[in-house]
Amino acid sequence: MPPDQTTRIATLTGAAIEPYLPALARLRIAVFRDWPYLYDGDEAYEAGYLRAYIDSPRAAVVVAFDGDTPVGASTCIPLTDETGNVTAPFAARGWALERFFYFGESVLLPAWRGRGIGVDFFAAREAHARAASDCDFAAFCAVVRPEDHPARPAGVVPLDMFWRKRGYTRRADVACAMSWKEVGAVEETEKRLAFWMKSLTGAALP
């Protein structure tokens, strides 16, 4: 189903992101609370996390608006501007960080799913990466959950096929670690996230 006429996609950079920080923080907390992240988020932390996209001159946040209200967001930033835990698996393999643009995450409220917005998010981020850099590759990571995880919803459909249709290849051998507190947990625990990659220039994937 195509987006209705009140829905629009905007690529925001620098100071243009600032007015939307509180709304984007709440949006991330609401979406990541569900499977597979089960994230018990904190609004102040999220606003601080998103500030990295203001401070990085080539980063962007692609926002889906319904009217003037953000209902989804998708982030991208040069890998050189990412944190050490994200860059570590690239550096360990001797890959030049300058060749990669990192796609942080996409969140979209349930009522707006199935309208092609997820496809628009990837297209907008790839266009921005090409315009803002000479990076050869786009890369993102996704949390790895066991098939028998007790919180896995019945009948849940993984996003693997959607990502493959966008041209991304899963690299199970390339992974990073992140820690967060899950819903109902007392403290943070470490999770493994595997990378997906796509060539932006036709260069062969490493």
Protein backbone atom coordinates (compact mmCIF):
# COMPACT_ATOMS: atom_id res chain seq x y z
CA MET A 1 0.00 0.00 0.00
CA PRO A 2 1.58 3.36 -0.97
CA PRO A 3 2.00 6.13 1.59
CA ASP A 4 -1.02 8.40 1.91
CA GLN A 5 -0.76 12.05 0.93
CA THR A 6 -0.02 13.19 4.48
CA THR A 7 3.15 11.06 4.71
CA ARG A 8 6.46 12.46 3.52
CA ILE A 9 10.12 11.48 3.78
CA ALA A 10 12.79 14.07 4.61
CA THR A 11 16.57 13.68 4.90
CA LEU A 12 17.77 15.90 7.75
CA THR A 13 21.36 16.86 8.53
CA GLY A 14 23.14 18.93 11.16
CA ALA A 15 21.09 21.51 13.03
CA ALA A 16 17.92 20.54 11.14
CA ILE A 17 17.77 17.38 13.30
CA GLU A 18 17.81 19.31 16.59
CA PRO A 19 14.10 20.24 16.89
CA TYR A 20 13.09 16.62 16.48
CA LEU A 21 15.42 15.05 19.07
CA PRO A 22 12.75 14.48 21.77
CA ALA A 23 10.24 13.01 19.30
CA LEU A 24 12.87 10.79 17.68
CA ALA A 25 14.07 9.58 21.08
CA ARG A 26 10.52 8.58 22.06
CA LEU A 27 10.02 6.93 18.69
CA ARG A 28 13.14 4.80 19.07
CA ILE A 29 12.15 3.74 22.58
CA ALA A 30 8.65 2.73 21.47
CA VAL A 31 9.77 0.64 18.49
CA PHE A 32 12.86 -0.96 20.03
CA ARG A 33 10.82 -2.11 23.02
CA ASP A 34 9.36 -4.82 20.77
CA TRP A 35 11.01 -7.91 19.32
CA PRO A 36 13.82 -8.45 18.48
CA TYR A 37 15.55 -5.73 20.54
CA LEU A 38 13.33 -5.79 23.66
CA TYR A 39 15.04 -2.55 24.66
CA ASP A 40 14.08 -0.80 27.89
CA GLY A 41 15.04 2.66 26.71
CA ASP A 42 15.79 5.98 28.36
CA GLU A 43 14.79 9.23 26.65
CA ALA A 44 17.78 11.23 27.87
CA TYR A 45 20.22 8.57 26.66
CA GLU A 46 18.49 8.38 23.28
CA ALA A 47 18.61 12.13 22.78
CA GLY A 48 22.33 12.04 23.55
CA TYR A 49 22.86 9.14 21.15
CA LEU A 50 21.07 10.98 18.35
CA ARG A 51 23.19 14.08 18.90
CA ALA A 52 26.06 12.24 17.22
CA TYR A 53 24.15 12.65 13.96
CA ILE A 54 24.06 16.42 14.49
CA ASP A 55 27.76 16.58 15.30
CA SER A 56 28.90 14.47 12.34
CA PRO A 57 28.89 16.78 9.28
CA ARG A 58 28.15 13.97 6.80
CA ALA A 59 25.58 12.07 8.87
CA ALA A 60 21.83 12.18 8.26
CA VAL A 61 18.55 11.13 9.80
CA VAL A 62 15.83 10.22 7.31
CA VAL A 63 12.48 10.97 8.93
CA ALA A 64 9.02 9.81 7.91
CA PHE A 65 6.44 12.44 8.80
CA ASP A 66 2.69 12.12 8.98
CA GLY A 67 1.80 15.77 8.71
CA ASP A 68 4.30 17.35 11.09
CA THR A 69 4.65 14.29 13.35
CA PRO A 70 7.63 11.90 13.02
CA VAL A 71 6.35 8.34 12.71
CA GLY A 72 9.61 6.72 11.60
CA ALA A 73 13.31 7.44 11.32
CA SER A 74 16.42 5.91 9.81
CA THR A 75 20.00 6.93 10.48
CA CYS A 76 23.28 6.91 8.55
CA ILE A 77 26.79 8.10 9.34
CA PRO A 78 30.31 7.55 7.99
CA LEU A 79 31.79 4.52 9.72
CA THR A 80 34.78 6.68 10.64
CA ASP A 81 32.46 8.63 12.97
CA GLU A 82 31.03 5.56 14.70
CA THR A 83 31.94 4.16 18.12
CA GLY A 84 34.76 1.72 18.67
CA ASN A 85 32.58 -1.33 19.22
CA VAL A 86 31.03 -0.85 15.77
CA THR A 87 34.29 -0.16 13.95
CA ALA A 88 36.25 -2.92 15.72
CA PRO A 89 35.33 -5.84 13.41
CA PHE A 90 36.30 -3.77 10.36
CA ALA A 91 39.59 -2.62 11.85
CA ALA A 92 40.40 -6.17 12.96
CA ARG A 93 40.19 -7.30 9.32
CA GLY A 94 42.31 -4.44 8.06
CA TRP A 95 39.42 -2.89 6.13
CA ALA A 96 39.65 0.86 5.58
CA LEU A 97 36.87 2.48 7.59
CA GLU A 98 36.73 5.29 5.03
CA ARG A 99 35.19 2.89 2.51
CA PHE A 100 32.06 2.26 4.60
CA PHE A 101 28.93 4.28 5.37
CA TYR A 102 27.15 2.89 8.43
CA PHE A 103 23.35 2.65 8.47
CA GLY A 104 22.52 2.76 12.16
CA GLU A 105 18.92 1.64 12.45
CA SER A 106 15.39 2.12 11.13
CA VAL A 107 12.30 2.50 13.29
CA LEU A 108 8.71 2.85 12.11
CA LEU A 109 5.50 2.80 14.12
CA PRO A 110 3.29 -0.23 13.36
CA ALA A 111 0.41 1.74 11.83
CA TRP A 112 2.70 3.03 9.06
CA ARG A 113 4.29 -0.28 8.11
CA GLY A 114 3.53 -2.00 4.83
CA ARG A 115 3.41 1.29 2.90
CA GLY A 116 6.85 1.19 1.32
CA ILE A 117 8.45 3.53 3.85
CA GLY A 118 11.12 0.96 4.75
CA VAL A 119 12.14 0.83 1.08
CA ASP A 120 12.23 4.64 1.01
CA PHE A 121 14.49 4.65 4.07
CA PHE A 122 17.10 2.51 2.34
CA ALA A 123 16.89 4.48 -0.90
CA ALA A 124 17.26 7.82 0.90
CA ARG A 125 20.21 6.65 2.99
CA GLU A 126 22.02 5.19 -0.01
CA ALA A 127 21.45 8.42 -1.95
CA HIS A 128 22.79 10.45 0.96
CA ALA A 129 25.85 8.20 1.36
CA ARG A 130 26.69 8.60 -2.31
CA ALA A 131 26.18 12.37 -2.21
CA ALA A 132 28.03 12.98 1.06
CA SER A 133 30.97 10.62 0.58
CA ASP A 134 32.95 8.45 -1.80
CA CYS A 135 32.32 5.33 0.31
CA ASP A 136 32.25 2.06 -1.60
CA PHE A 137 29.95 0.21 0.77
CA ALA A 138 26.89 0.57 2.99
CA ALA A 139 26.78 -1.60 6.11
CA PHE A 140 24.39 -2.14 8.97
CA CYS A 141 24.07 -4.68 11.76
CA ALA A 142 21.13 -6.54 13.30
CA VAL A 143 20.81 -8.35 16.59
CA VAL A 144 21.16 -12.13 16.46
CA ARG A 145 18.55 -13.98 18.53
CA PRO A 146 18.30 -17.76 19.02
CA GLU A 147 15.35 -19.51 17.39
CA ASP A 148 14.17 -20.75 20.80
CA HIS A 149 14.32 -17.35 22.52
CA PRO A 150 11.39 -17.29 24.99
CA ALA A 151 10.26 -13.82 23.88
CA ARG A 152 10.17 -14.63 20.15
CA PRO A 153 6.60 -13.95 18.93
CA ALA A 154 4.78 -16.81 17.23
CA GLY A 155 4.88 -16.50 13.45
CA VAL A 156 7.31 -13.59 13.40
CA VAL A 157 8.85 -13.04 9.97
CA PRO A 158 12.55 -12.06 9.99
CA LEU A 159 13.58 -9.08 7.88
CA ASP A 160 16.30 -11.06 6.08
CA MET A 161 14.37 -11.36 2.82
CA PHE A 162 13.49 -7.65 2.85
CA TRP A 163 17.16 -6.75 3.28
CA ARG A 164 18.26 -9.16 0.54
CA LYS A 165 15.75 -7.56 -1.83
CA ARG A 166 17.47 -4.24 -1.14
CA GLY A 167 20.73 -5.83 -2.32
CA TYR A 168 22.35 -6.52 1.05
CA THR A 169 24.43 -9.59 1.88
CA ARG A 170 24.60 -11.02 5.39
CA ARG A 171 28.09 -11.42 6.79
CA ALA A 172 27.66 -13.76 9.75
CA ASP A 173 31.45 -13.74 10.15
CA VAL A 174 31.47 -9.98 10.79
CA ALA A 175 29.77 -9.01 14.04
CA CYS A 176 29.96 -6.48 16.84
CA ALA A 177 28.80 -6.39 20.43
CA MET A 178 26.39 -3.91 22.03
CA SER A 179 24.88 -3.84 25.49
CA TRP A 180 21.46 -2.67 26.61
CA LYS A 181 18.91 -3.39 29.30
CA GLU A 182 16.02 -5.52 28.15
CA VAL A 183 12.43 -5.09 29.28
CA GLY A 184 12.07 -6.72 32.69
CA ALA A 185 15.83 -7.00 33.25
CA VAL A 186 17.77 -5.47 36.12
CA GLU A 187 20.96 -4.61 34.23
CA GLU A 188 22.44 -4.43 30.75
CA THR A 189 23.64 -7.54 28.96
CA GLU A 190 25.83 -7.87 25.89
CA LYS A 191 24.28 -8.85 22.54
CA ARG A 192 25.84 -9.96 19.27
CA LEU A 193 24.89 -8.13 16.07
CA ALA A 194 25.81 -9.46 12.61
CA PHE A 195 26.56 -7.16 9.69
CA TRP A 196 24.89 -6.83 6.30
CA MET A 197 26.69 -5.09 3.43
CA LYS A 198 26.03 -3.70 -0.03
CA SER A 199 28.29 -2.13 -2.65
CA LEU A 200 27.38 1.45 -3.47
CA THR A 201 29.88 1.84 -6.32
CA GLY A 202 30.15 -1.61 -7.89
CA ALA A 203 33.30 -2.43 -5.94
CA ALA A 204 33.47 -6.06 -4.81
CA LEU A 205 32.50 -6.65 -1.19
CA PRO A 206 35.48 -7.44 1.05
